[in-house]
Amino acid sequence: GVGAADDRLTAVSYGIDVGCRTELQIALGTGETVTWSYDDYSFLTFLPAYLSRPDRQSLVLELDVPYSNYGAASYVVLELEDGVLRERARLDGGGAALQGAYLQERADGLQEARIPTLYDKWHQPIWGAWAWDGAGFSFQSDGLFTDTYPLQVSGGRTLTLSLRCTPTGNYSWECYDQIQILEGDAPVQTIPAGFTPPGEAQEVSFLANSPSMNWADVRDINFDGYDDFGLQWDATHDAVHRWFVWDPERASYQYLADLAGDLELDPVAKRLTETWFDIGTVNTYTYDGGGQLQLVDSRDPQ
């Protein structure tokens, strides 16, 4: 914001065969030139942001870690002080920081960098805010992740199945604590995270982690052309899912049945087959005129 011309930034990253470093050069609108270097090579993204002052921008660098198989990144905040480009804060990519940060406005007129962090390779990341706290930069994690799945339903609508998990530290038994159906950002339906079907006594929680890694199953299991979904609550090999099917008349999802996770669909005969791993039983179902499952065959293990 100072000088007769725009500031101009040039970054060059040198691979391991030519020095393994990244160099930054900024030609300021005042005619001055400032530099900064980083002791590794990287693919860079730049976010100019009003992080600590409302009248002058800082520079957030996203330094993508080369050859990372999960999208790791380091983040650096640079600010111009007394004609020198100084590093004010750093989040190390050797930890859990991931690529894909963006800026968000704060109520005080400043901005914060929203940065994703790794939970595991199967789920969505946990986001957090990297922001100025009056004395320095601090990172505050949201402490939760949200897995989402698109749902194609009646009327040409696309909804989103939104599954939120607030980790407790017991990785093998993490459960979703908020289940919503969204249209855009607007809630359409909320399903209790501890769900008990009408007329039944067993409340179950839906697993966010399980040995089978099949916590959510989205497909059309009643052959009506609309996406249905099953949420896993059984951590055994049977991976039992509690299934919800789209009801176009109510414009919402309704509970259908609990079915073993290994489902095979026959859209021609409009039948589905479940296989119970532990006992080996194979059950075949069809649908009656009211859309309810009817057992038509059950074969015990030989």
C-alpha atoms as a PDB file:
ATOM      1  CA  GLY A   1       0.000   0.000   0.000  1.00  0.00           C
ATOM      2  CA  VAL A   2       2.995   2.328  -0.210  1.00  0.00           C
ATOM      3  CA  GLY A   3       4.657   3.691  -3.364  1.00  0.00           C
ATOM      4  CA  ALA A   4       3.755   4.626  -6.902  1.00  0.00           C
ATOM      5  CA  ALA A   5       3.426   1.087  -8.271  1.00  0.00           C
ATOM      6  CA  ASP A   6       2.156  -2.316  -7.267  1.00  0.00           C
ATOM      7  CA  ASP A   7       4.401  -4.623  -5.308  1.00  0.00           C
ATOM      8  CA  ARG A   8       5.652  -7.548  -7.393  1.00  0.00           C
ATOM      9  CA  LEU A   9       6.628 -10.945  -6.052  1.00  0.00           C
ATOM     10  CA  THR A  10       8.936 -13.497  -7.674  1.00  0.00           C
ATOM     11  CA  ALA A  11       9.589 -16.945  -6.209  1.00  0.00           C
ATOM     12  CA  VAL A  12      12.120 -19.518  -7.394  1.00  0.00           C
ATOM     13  CA  SER A  13      12.401 -23.000  -5.943  1.00  0.00           C
ATOM     14  CA  TYR A  14      15.550 -25.062  -6.510  1.00  0.00           C
ATOM     15  CA  GLY A  15      15.391 -28.876  -6.359  1.00  0.00           C
ATOM     16  CA  ILE A  16      17.745 -31.172  -4.506  1.00  0.00           C
ATOM     17  CA  ASP A  17      20.227 -31.247  -7.394  1.00  0.00           C
ATOM     18  CA  VAL A  18      20.685 -27.448  -7.424  1.00  0.00           C
ATOM     19  CA  GLY A  19      20.729 -26.382  -3.815  1.00  0.00           C
ATOM     20  CA  CYS A  20      17.368 -27.496  -2.358  1.00  0.00           C
ATOM     21  CA  ARG A  21      16.040 -24.077  -1.379  1.00  0.00           C
ATOM     22  CA  THR A  22      13.317 -21.549  -2.137  1.00  0.00           C
ATOM     23  CA  GLU A  23      14.018 -17.865  -2.675  1.00  0.00           C
ATOM     24  CA  LEU A  24      11.496 -15.045  -2.553  1.00  0.00           C
ATOM     25  CA  GLN A  25      12.065 -11.568  -3.976  1.00  0.00           C
ATOM     26  CA  ILE A  26       9.571  -8.710  -3.697  1.00  0.00           C
ATOM     27  CA  ALA A  27       9.974  -5.518  -5.680  1.00  0.00           C
ATOM     28  CA  LEU A  28       8.071  -2.917  -3.656  1.00  0.00           C
ATOM     29  CA  GLY A  29       6.155  -0.019  -5.132  1.00  0.00           C
ATOM     30  CA  THR A  30       8.646   2.299  -3.399  1.00  0.00           C
ATOM     31  CA  GLY A  31      11.490   0.974  -5.569  1.00  0.00           C
ATOM     32  CA  GLU A  32      13.014  -1.114  -2.776  1.00  0.00           C
ATOM     33  CA  THR A  33      13.631  -4.853  -3.090  1.00  0.00           C
ATOM     34  CA  VAL A  34      13.314  -7.289  -0.162  1.00  0.00           C
ATOM     35  CA  THR A  35      14.142 -10.999  -0.070  1.00  0.00           C
ATOM     36  CA  TRP A  36      13.496 -14.096   1.996  1.00  0.00           C
ATOM     37  CA  SER A  37      14.753 -17.686   1.703  1.00  0.00           C
ATOM     38  CA  TYR A  38      13.532 -21.091   2.834  1.00  0.00           C
ATOM     39  CA  ASP A  39      15.809 -24.073   3.388  1.00  0.00           C
ATOM     40  CA  ASP A  40      13.875 -26.527   1.222  1.00  0.00           C
ATOM     41  CA  TYR A  41      12.261 -26.611  -2.206  1.00  0.00           C
ATOM     42  CA  SER A  42       8.518 -26.400  -2.552  1.00  0.00           C
ATOM     43  CA  PHE A  43       5.495 -25.603  -4.683  1.00  0.00           C
ATOM     44  CA  LEU A  44       4.246 -22.259  -3.427  1.00  0.00           C
ATOM     45  CA  THR A  45       0.917 -20.504  -3.026  1.00  0.00           C
ATOM     46  CA  PHE A  46       0.628 -16.899  -1.755  1.00  0.00           C
ATOM     47  CA  LEU A  47      -2.166 -15.299   0.240  1.00  0.00           C
ATOM     48  CA  PRO A  48      -1.843 -11.538   0.890  1.00  0.00           C
ATOM     49  CA  ALA A  49      -3.876 -10.895   4.051  1.00  0.00           C
ATOM     50  CA  TYR A  50      -4.597  -8.249   6.677  1.00  0.00           C
ATOM     51  CA  LEU A  51      -3.555 -10.483   9.548  1.00  0.00           C
ATOM     52  CA  SER A  52      -2.088  -8.184  12.219  1.00  0.00           C
ATOM     53  CA  ARG A  53      -2.832  -4.681  10.894  1.00  0.00           C
ATOM     54  CA  PRO A  54      -5.837  -3.240   9.067  1.00  0.00           C
ATOM     55  CA  ASP A  55      -3.669  -0.877   6.996  1.00  0.00           C
ATOM     56  CA  ARG A  56      -0.933  -3.166   5.685  1.00  0.00           C
ATOM     57  CA  GLN A  57      -0.970  -6.693   4.368  1.00  0.00           C
ATOM     58  CA  SER A  58       1.027  -9.630   5.605  1.00  0.00           C
ATOM     59  CA  LEU A  59       1.960 -12.482   3.291  1.00  0.00           C
ATOM     60  CA  VAL A  60       0.927 -16.072   4.036  1.00  0.00           C
ATOM     61  CA  LEU A  61       3.031 -18.613   2.146  1.00  0.00           C
ATOM     62  CA  GLU A  62       1.746 -22.126   1.575  1.00  0.00           C
ATOM     63  CA  LEU A  63       4.829 -24.269   0.950  1.00  0.00           C
ATOM     64  CA  ASP A  64       3.632 -27.629  -0.348  1.00  0.00           C
ATOM     65  CA  VAL A  65       5.866 -30.492   0.753  1.00  0.00           C
ATOM     66  CA  PRO A  66       7.185 -32.259  -2.394  1.00  0.00           C
ATOM     67  CA  TYR A  67       6.180 -35.898  -2.831  1.00  0.00           C
ATOM     68  CA  SER A  68       3.877 -35.916   0.183  1.00  0.00           C
ATOM     69  CA  ASN A  69       1.277 -38.631  -0.292  1.00  0.00           C
ATOM     70  CA  TYR A  70      -1.318 -36.808   1.796  1.00  0.00           C
ATOM     71  CA  GLY A  71      -0.867 -33.172   0.718  1.00  0.00           C
ATOM     72  CA  ALA A  72       1.342 -31.876   3.535  1.00  0.00           C
ATOM     73  CA  ALA A  73       2.329 -28.207   3.612  1.00  0.00           C
ATOM     74  CA  SER A  74       4.261 -25.738   5.718  1.00  0.00           C
ATOM     75  CA  TYR A  75       2.865 -22.256   6.323  1.00  0.00           C
ATOM     76  CA  VAL A  76       4.826 -19.061   6.946  1.00  0.00           C
ATOM     77  CA  VAL A  77       3.698 -15.509   7.733  1.00  0.00           C
ATOM     78  CA  LEU A  78       5.972 -12.766   6.367  1.00  0.00           C
ATOM     79  CA  GLU A  79       5.693  -9.079   7.253  1.00  0.00           C
ATOM     80  CA  LEU A  80       7.678  -6.034   6.172  1.00  0.00           C
ATOM     81  CA  GLU A  81       9.389  -4.318   9.105  1.00  0.00           C
ATOM     82  CA  ASP A  82      11.899  -1.472   8.726  1.00  0.00           C
ATOM     83  CA  GLY A  83      12.596  -2.421   5.125  1.00  0.00           C
ATOM     84  CA  VAL A  84      13.195  -6.098   5.968  1.00  0.00           C
ATOM     85  CA  LEU A  85      10.928  -9.039   5.108  1.00  0.00           C
ATOM     86  CA  ARG A  86      10.670 -10.910   8.405  1.00  0.00           C
ATOM     87  CA  GLU A  87       9.235 -14.305   9.237  1.00  0.00           C
ATOM     88  CA  ARG A  88       6.672 -13.786  11.985  1.00  0.00           C
ATOM     89  CA  ALA A  89       5.231 -17.291  12.364  1.00  0.00           C
ATOM     90  CA  ARG A  90       5.503 -20.802  10.956  1.00  0.00           C
ATOM     91  CA  LEU A  91       3.437 -24.001  10.938  1.00  0.00           C
ATOM     92  CA  ASP A  92       5.695 -26.921  10.096  1.00  0.00           C
ATOM     93  CA  GLY A  93       4.647 -29.239   7.272  1.00  0.00           C
ATOM     94  CA  GLY A  94       6.422 -32.102   9.015  1.00  0.00           C
ATOM     95  CA  GLY A  95       3.374 -32.211  11.281  1.00  0.00           C
ATOM     96  CA  ALA A  96      -0.277 -32.314  10.334  1.00  0.00           C
ATOM     97  CA  ALA A  97      -0.761 -29.145   8.261  1.00  0.00           C
ATOM     98  CA  LEU A  98      -2.239 -29.753   4.796  1.00  0.00           C
ATOM     99  CA  GLN A  99      -2.544 -27.823   1.540  1.00  0.00           C
ATOM    100  CA  GLY A 100      -5.648 -25.785   0.791  1.00  0.00           C
ATOM    101  CA  ALA A 101      -5.723 -22.810   3.181  1.00  0.00           C
ATOM    102  CA  TYR A 102      -8.051 -19.875   2.562  1.00  0.00           C
ATOM    103  CA  LEU A 103      -8.718 -16.497   4.181  1.00  0.00           C
ATOM    104  CA  GLN A 104     -11.698 -15.595   6.338  1.00  0.00           C
ATOM    105  CA  GLU A 105     -12.853 -12.218   7.628  1.00  0.00           C
ATOM    106  CA  ARG A 106     -12.954 -11.578  11.375  1.00  0.00           C
ATOM    107  CA  ALA A 107     -15.309  -9.360  13.326  1.00  0.00           C
ATOM    108  CA  ASP A 108     -12.455  -6.980  14.215  1.00  0.00           C
ATOM    109  CA  GLY A 109     -11.738  -6.173  10.566  1.00  0.00           C
ATOM    110  CA  LEU A 110      -8.653  -8.381  10.317  1.00  0.00           C
ATOM    111  CA  GLN A 111      -8.418 -11.703   8.528  1.00  0.00           C
ATOM    112  CA  GLU A 112      -7.402 -15.196   9.591  1.00  0.00           C
ATOM    113  CA  ALA A 113      -5.973 -18.099   7.617  1.00  0.00           C
ATOM    114  CA  ARG A 114      -8.176 -21.187   7.708  1.00  0.00           C
ATOM    115  CA  ILE A 115      -5.823 -24.176   7.532  1.00  0.00           C
ATOM    116  CA  PRO A 116      -6.692 -27.885   7.237  1.00  0.00           C
ATOM    117  CA  THR A 117      -4.859 -30.425   9.393  1.00  0.00           C
ATOM    118  CA  LEU A 118      -4.625 -34.173   8.982  1.00  0.00           C
ATOM    119  CA  TYR A 119      -6.868 -36.446  11.043  1.00  0.00           C
ATOM    120  CA  ASP A 120      -6.240 -39.580   8.988  1.00  0.00           C
ATOM    121  CA  LYS A 121      -6.146 -40.502   5.308  1.00  0.00           C
ATOM    122  CA  TRP A 122      -9.788 -41.636   5.157  1.00  0.00           C
ATOM    123  CA  HIS A 123     -11.653 -38.676   6.637  1.00  0.00           C
ATOM    124  CA  GLN A 124     -11.930 -34.993   5.897  1.00  0.00           C
ATOM    125  CA  PRO A 125      -9.321 -32.802   7.638  1.00  0.00           C
ATOM    126  CA  ILE A 126      -9.788 -30.921  10.874  1.00  0.00           C
ATOM    127  CA  TRP A 127      -9.760 -27.189  10.165  1.00  0.00           C
ATOM    128  CA  GLY A 128      -8.356 -24.474  12.366  1.00  0.00           C
ATOM    129  CA  ALA A 129      -7.770 -20.721  12.448  1.00  0.00           C
ATOM    130  CA  TRP A 130      -4.269 -19.218  12.296  1.00  0.00           C
ATOM    131  CA  ALA A 131      -4.710 -15.664  13.511  1.00  0.00           C
ATOM    132  CA  TRP A 132      -3.232 -12.672  15.306  1.00  0.00           C
ATOM    133  CA  ASP A 133      -4.120 -12.669  19.022  1.00  0.00           C
ATOM    134  CA  GLY A 134      -2.744  -9.227  19.843  1.00  0.00           C
ATOM    135  CA  ALA A 135       0.717 -10.421  20.785  1.00  0.00           C
ATOM    136  CA  GLY A 136       1.552 -12.984  18.130  1.00  0.00           C
ATOM    137  CA  PHE A 137       0.129 -15.616  15.815  1.00  0.00           C
ATOM    138  CA  SER A 138      -1.618 -18.641  17.274  1.00  0.00           C
ATOM    139  CA  PHE A 139      -3.368 -21.641  15.761  1.00  0.00           C
ATOM    140  CA  GLN A 140      -6.730 -22.715  17.199  1.00  0.00           C
ATOM    141  CA  SER A 141      -8.116 -26.023  15.956  1.00  0.00           C
ATOM    142  CA  ASP A 142     -11.867 -26.458  15.417  1.00  0.00           C
ATOM    143  CA  GLY A 143     -11.451 -29.867  17.055  1.00  0.00           C
ATOM    144  CA  LEU A 144     -13.779 -31.674  14.639  1.00  0.00           C
ATOM    145  CA  PHE A 145     -14.018 -32.970  11.101  1.00  0.00           C
ATOM    146  CA  THR A 146     -17.052 -33.308   8.837  1.00  0.00           C
ATOM    147  CA  ASP A 147     -17.378 -36.029   6.191  1.00  0.00           C
ATOM    148  CA  THR A 148     -19.768 -35.218   3.357  1.00  0.00           C
ATOM    149  CA  TYR A 149     -21.430 -37.236   0.605  1.00  0.00           C
ATOM    150  CA  PRO A 150     -23.646 -35.965  -2.262  1.00  0.00           C
ATOM    151  CA  LEU A 151     -27.188 -37.314  -2.475  1.00  0.00           C
ATOM    152  CA  GLN A 152     -29.294 -37.181  -5.659  1.00  0.00           C
ATOM    153  CA  VAL A 153     -32.972 -37.115  -4.729  1.00  0.00           C
ATOM    154  CA  SER A 154     -36.381 -36.327  -6.237  1.00  0.00           C
ATOM    155  CA  GLY A 155     -37.069 -33.105  -8.078  1.00  0.00           C
ATOM    156  CA  GLY A 156     -33.520 -33.025  -9.445  1.00  0.00           C
ATOM    157  CA  ARG A 157     -32.238 -31.862  -6.057  1.00  0.00           C
ATOM    158  CA  THR A 158     -28.706 -32.499  -4.835  1.00  0.00           C
ATOM    159  CA  LEU A 159     -28.458 -32.733  -1.068  1.00  0.00           C
ATOM    160  CA  THR A 160     -25.463 -33.360   1.163  1.00  0.00           C
ATOM    161  CA  LEU A 161     -25.104 -35.985   3.842  1.00  0.00           C
ATOM    162  CA  SER A 162     -23.030 -34.198   6.516  1.00  0.00           C
ATOM    163  CA  LEU A 163     -21.433 -36.358   9.219  1.00  0.00           C
ATOM    164  CA  ARG A 164     -19.565 -34.526  11.990  1.00  0.00           C
ATOM    165  CA  CYS A 165     -17.152 -36.172  14.413  1.00  0.00           C
ATOM    166  CA  THR A 166     -15.489 -34.557  17.428  1.00  0.00           C
ATOM    167  CA  PRO A 167     -12.574 -36.916  18.185  1.00  0.00           C
ATOM    168  CA  THR A 168     -12.217 -38.118  21.755  1.00  0.00           C
ATOM    169  CA  GLY A 169      -8.825 -39.825  21.467  1.00  0.00           C
ATOM    170  CA  ASN A 170     -10.219 -43.368  21.260  1.00  0.00           C
ATOM    171  CA  TYR A 171      -9.594 -43.748  17.538  1.00  0.00           C
ATOM    172  CA  SER A 172     -11.114 -47.215  17.045  1.00  0.00           C
ATOM    173  CA  TRP A 173     -14.463 -46.178  18.534  1.00  0.00           C
ATOM    174  CA  GLU A 174     -14.949 -42.636  17.289  1.00  0.00           C
ATOM    175  CA  CYS A 175     -18.587 -41.898  16.455  1.00  0.00           C
ATOM    176  CA  TYR A 176     -20.379 -39.185  14.534  1.00  0.00           C
ATOM    177  CA  ASP A 177     -22.022 -36.682  16.887  1.00  0.00           C
ATOM    178  CA  GLN A 178     -24.056 -34.727  14.323  1.00  0.00           C
ATOM    179  CA  ILE A 179     -25.882 -36.084  11.287  1.00  0.00           C
ATOM    180  CA  GLN A 180     -27.550 -33.623   8.954  1.00  0.00           C
ATOM    181  CA  ILE A 181     -29.014 -33.490   5.480  1.00  0.00           C
ATOM    182  CA  LEU A 182     -28.187 -30.139   3.881  1.00  0.00           C
ATOM    183  CA  GLU A 183     -29.268 -28.279   0.768  1.00  0.00           C
ATOM    184  CA  GLY A 184     -26.411 -25.904   0.181  1.00  0.00           C
ATOM    185  CA  ASP A 185     -25.682 -24.635   3.683  1.00  0.00           C
ATOM    186  CA  ALA A 186     -29.291 -24.910   4.862  1.00  0.00           C
ATOM    187  CA  PRO A 187     -30.304 -27.863   7.087  1.00  0.00           C
ATOM    188  CA  VAL A 188     -33.125 -29.952   5.622  1.00  0.00           C
ATOM    189  CA  GLN A 189     -33.180 -32.770   8.169  1.00  0.00           C
ATOM    190  CA  THR A 190     -31.336 -33.783  11.339  1.00  0.00           C
ATOM    191  CA  ILE A 191     -31.040 -37.427  12.358  1.00  0.00           C
ATOM    192  CA  PRO A 192     -30.160 -38.124  15.997  1.00  0.00           C
ATOM    193  CA  ALA A 193     -26.534 -39.197  16.353  1.00  0.00           C
ATOM    194  CA  GLY A 194     -27.673 -41.863  18.799  1.00  0.00           C
ATOM    195  CA  PHE A 195     -30.531 -43.255  16.699  1.00  0.00           C
ATOM    196  CA  THR A 196     -33.364 -45.547  17.861  1.00  0.00           C
ATOM    197  CA  PRO A 197     -35.819 -46.727  15.180  1.00  0.00           C
ATOM    198  CA  PRO A 198     -39.529 -46.210  15.904  1.00  0.00           C
ATOM    199  CA  GLY A 199     -40.914 -49.031  18.034  1.00  0.00           C
ATOM    200  CA  GLU A 200     -37.467 -50.402  18.942  1.00  0.00           C
ATOM    201  CA  ALA A 201     -35.394 -50.137  22.104  1.00  0.00           C
ATOM    202  CA  GLN A 202     -31.808 -50.324  20.833  1.00  0.00           C
ATOM    203  CA  GLU A 203     -30.103 -46.983  20.378  1.00  0.00           C
ATOM    204  CA  VAL A 204     -26.930 -47.146  18.318  1.00  0.00           C
ATOM    205  CA  SER A 205     -24.168 -44.684  17.592  1.00  0.00           C
ATOM    206  CA  PHE A 206     -22.722 -44.495  14.113  1.00  0.00           C
ATOM    207  CA  LEU A 207     -19.025 -45.277  13.781  1.00  0.00           C
ATOM    208  CA  ALA A 208     -16.607 -42.829  12.259  1.00  0.00           C
ATOM    209  CA  ASN A 209     -13.837 -45.431  12.415  1.00  0.00           C
ATOM    210  CA  SER A 210     -14.079 -49.180  12.124  1.00  0.00           C
ATOM    211  CA  PRO A 211     -11.916 -52.113  10.990  1.00  0.00           C
ATOM    212  CA  SER A 212     -13.806 -52.362   7.686  1.00  0.00           C
ATOM    213  CA  MET A 213     -13.452 -48.622   6.925  1.00  0.00           C
ATOM    214  CA  ASN A 214     -16.990 -48.617   5.488  1.00  0.00           C
ATOM    215  CA  TRP A 215     -18.732 -46.276   7.913  1.00  0.00           C
ATOM    216  CA  ALA A 216     -21.026 -44.701   5.300  1.00  0.00           C
ATOM    217  CA  ASP A 217     -22.522 -46.460   2.282  1.00  0.00           C
ATOM    218  CA  VAL A 218     -24.389 -44.334  -0.285  1.00  0.00           C
ATOM    219  CA  ARG A 219     -26.364 -46.019  -3.074  1.00  0.00           C
ATOM    220  CA  ASP A 220     -29.924 -46.641  -4.269  1.00  0.00           C
ATOM    221  CA  ILE A 221     -30.921 -49.793  -2.386  1.00  0.00           C
ATOM    222  CA  ASN A 222     -34.677 -49.635  -3.094  1.00  0.00           C
ATOM    223  CA  PHE A 223     -34.302 -49.093  -6.848  1.00  0.00           C
ATOM    224  CA  ASP A 224     -36.390 -45.900  -7.049  1.00  0.00           C
ATOM    225  CA  GLY A 225     -33.684 -43.791  -8.692  1.00  0.00           C
ATOM    226  CA  TYR A 226     -32.751 -41.815  -5.563  1.00  0.00           C
ATOM    227  CA  ASP A 227     -29.693 -42.132  -3.361  1.00  0.00           C
ATOM    228  CA  ASP A 228     -30.092 -43.848   0.001  1.00  0.00           C
ATOM    229  CA  PHE A 229     -27.485 -44.215   2.729  1.00  0.00           C
ATOM    230  CA  GLY A 230     -26.475 -46.634   5.446  1.00  0.00           C
ATOM    231  CA  LEU A 231     -24.461 -45.690   8.527  1.00  0.00           C
ATOM    232  CA  GLN A 232     -22.361 -48.322  10.250  1.00  0.00           C
ATOM    233  CA  TRP A 233     -22.821 -49.074  13.938  1.00  0.00           C
ATOM    234  CA  ASP A 234     -21.381 -52.590  14.173  1.00  0.00           C
ATOM    235  CA  ALA A 235     -17.569 -52.862  14.249  1.00  0.00           C
ATOM    236  CA  THR A 236     -17.445 -56.619  13.569  1.00  0.00           C
ATOM    237  CA  HIS A 237     -16.848 -58.169  10.145  1.00  0.00           C
ATOM    238  CA  ASP A 238     -20.606 -58.013   9.566  1.00  0.00           C
ATOM    239  CA  ALA A 239     -20.370 -54.194   9.483  1.00  0.00           C
ATOM    240  CA  VAL A 240     -24.109 -53.764  10.075  1.00  0.00           C
ATOM    241  CA  HIS A 241     -25.494 -50.510   8.680  1.00  0.00           C
ATOM    242  CA  ARG A 242     -28.686 -48.727   9.673  1.00  0.00           C
ATOM    243  CA  TRP A 243     -30.237 -47.746   6.334  1.00  0.00           C
ATOM    244  CA  PHE A 244     -32.257 -44.622   5.501  1.00  0.00           C
ATOM    245  CA  VAL A 245     -34.155 -44.263   2.205  1.00  0.00           C
ATOM    246  CA  TRP A 246     -35.456 -41.138   0.512  1.00  0.00           C
ATOM    247  CA  ASP A 247     -39.219 -40.592   0.780  1.00  0.00           C
ATOM    248  CA  PRO A 248     -40.216 -38.155  -2.014  1.00  0.00           C
ATOM    249  CA  GLU A 249     -43.651 -37.515  -0.483  1.00  0.00           C
ATOM    250  CA  ARG A 250     -42.188 -36.410   2.858  1.00  0.00           C
ATOM    251  CA  ALA A 251     -39.102 -34.922   1.181  1.00  0.00           C
ATOM    252  CA  SER A 252     -36.915 -36.497   3.851  1.00  0.00           C
ATOM    253  CA  TYR A 253     -35.053 -39.677   4.723  1.00  0.00           C
ATOM    254  CA  GLN A 254     -36.847 -42.433   6.628  1.00  0.00           C
ATOM    255  CA  TYR A 255     -35.392 -45.428   8.446  1.00  0.00           C
ATOM    256  CA  LEU A 256     -35.709 -48.694   6.500  1.00  0.00           C
ATOM    257  CA  ALA A 257     -33.809 -51.534   8.173  1.00  0.00           C
ATOM    258  CA  ASP A 258     -30.503 -52.769   9.590  1.00  0.00           C
ATOM    259  CA  LEU A 259     -28.570 -54.806   7.048  1.00  0.00           C
ATOM    260  CA  ALA A 260     -25.185 -56.486   7.010  1.00  0.00           C
ATOM    261  CA  GLY A 261     -22.574 -54.386   5.283  1.00  0.00           C
ATOM    262  CA  ASP A 262     -21.858 -56.794   2.420  1.00  0.00           C
ATOM    263  CA  LEU A 263     -24.872 -55.967   0.239  1.00  0.00           C
ATOM    264  CA  GLU A 264     -25.333 -57.082  -3.365  1.00  0.00           C
ATOM    265  CA  LEU A 265     -27.986 -55.330  -5.470  1.00  0.00           C
ATOM    266  CA  ASP A 266     -29.865 -56.812  -8.422  1.00  0.00           C
ATOM    267  CA  PRO A 267     -31.584 -53.836 -10.118  1.00  0.00           C
ATOM    268  CA  VAL A 268     -33.207 -56.059 -12.759  1.00  0.00           C
ATOM    269  CA  ALA A 269     -34.978 -58.341 -10.283  1.00  0.00           C
ATOM    270  CA  LYS A 270     -35.095 -55.497  -7.729  1.00  0.00           C
ATOM    271  CA  ARG A 271     -33.642 -57.680  -5.043  1.00  0.00           C
ATOM    272  CA  LEU A 272     -30.862 -57.194  -2.548  1.00  0.00           C
ATOM    273  CA  THR A 273     -28.765 -59.827  -0.819  1.00  0.00           C
ATOM    274  CA  GLU A 274     -26.909 -59.502   2.467  1.00  0.00           C
ATOM    275  CA  THR A 275     -24.219 -61.875   3.725  1.00  0.00           C
ATOM    276  CA  TRP A 276     -23.475 -62.253   7.408  1.00  0.00           C
ATOM    277  CA  PHE A 277     -19.768 -62.918   7.740  1.00  0.00           C
ATOM    278  CA  ASP A 278     -19.776 -64.435  11.241  1.00  0.00           C
ATOM    279  CA  ILE A 279     -22.615 -66.917  10.749  1.00  0.00           C
ATOM    280  CA  GLY A 280     -22.467 -67.238   6.970  1.00  0.00           C
ATOM    281  CA  THR A 281     -26.199 -66.738   6.426  1.00  0.00           C
ATOM    282  CA  VAL A 282     -27.236 -65.237   3.089  1.00  0.00           C
ATOM    283  CA  ASN A 283     -30.566 -63.377   3.069  1.00  0.00           C
ATOM    284  CA  THR A 284     -32.354 -62.194  -0.064  1.00  0.00           C
ATOM    285  CA  TYR A 285     -34.973 -59.444   0.074  1.00  0.00           C
ATOM    286  CA  THR A 286     -37.416 -57.763  -2.252  1.00  0.00           C
ATOM    287  CA  TYR A 287     -39.830 -54.869  -1.676  1.00  0.00           C
ATOM    288  CA  ASP A 288     -43.581 -54.952  -1.186  1.00  0.00           C
ATOM    289  CA  GLY A 289     -46.017 -52.387  -2.562  1.00  0.00           C
ATOM    290  CA  GLY A 290     -45.445 -50.121   0.442  1.00  0.00           C
ATOM    291  CA  GLY A 291     -41.695 -50.040  -0.044  1.00  0.00           C
ATOM    292  CA  GLN A 292     -40.932 -52.342   2.901  1.00  0.00           C
ATOM    293  CA  LEU A 293     -38.387 -55.137   2.750  1.00  0.00           C
ATOM    294  CA  GLN A 294     -39.694 -58.696   2.441  1.00  0.00           C
ATOM    295  CA  LEU A 295     -37.428 -61.691   3.112  1.00  0.00           C
ATOM    296  CA  VAL A 296     -37.811 -64.130   0.184  1.00  0.00           C
ATOM    297  CA  ASP A 297     -34.908 -66.489   0.777  1.00  0.00           C
ATOM    298  CA  SER A 298     -32.487 -67.336   3.589  1.00  0.00           C
ATOM    299  CA  ARG A 299     -29.652 -69.810   3.124  1.00  0.00           C
ATOM    300  CA  ASP A 300     -27.650 -71.126   6.056  1.00  0.00           C
ATOM    301  CA  PRO A 301     -23.938 -71.918   5.658  1.00  0.00           C
ATOM    302  CA  GLN A 302     -23.202 -75.342   4.210  1.00  0.00           C
END
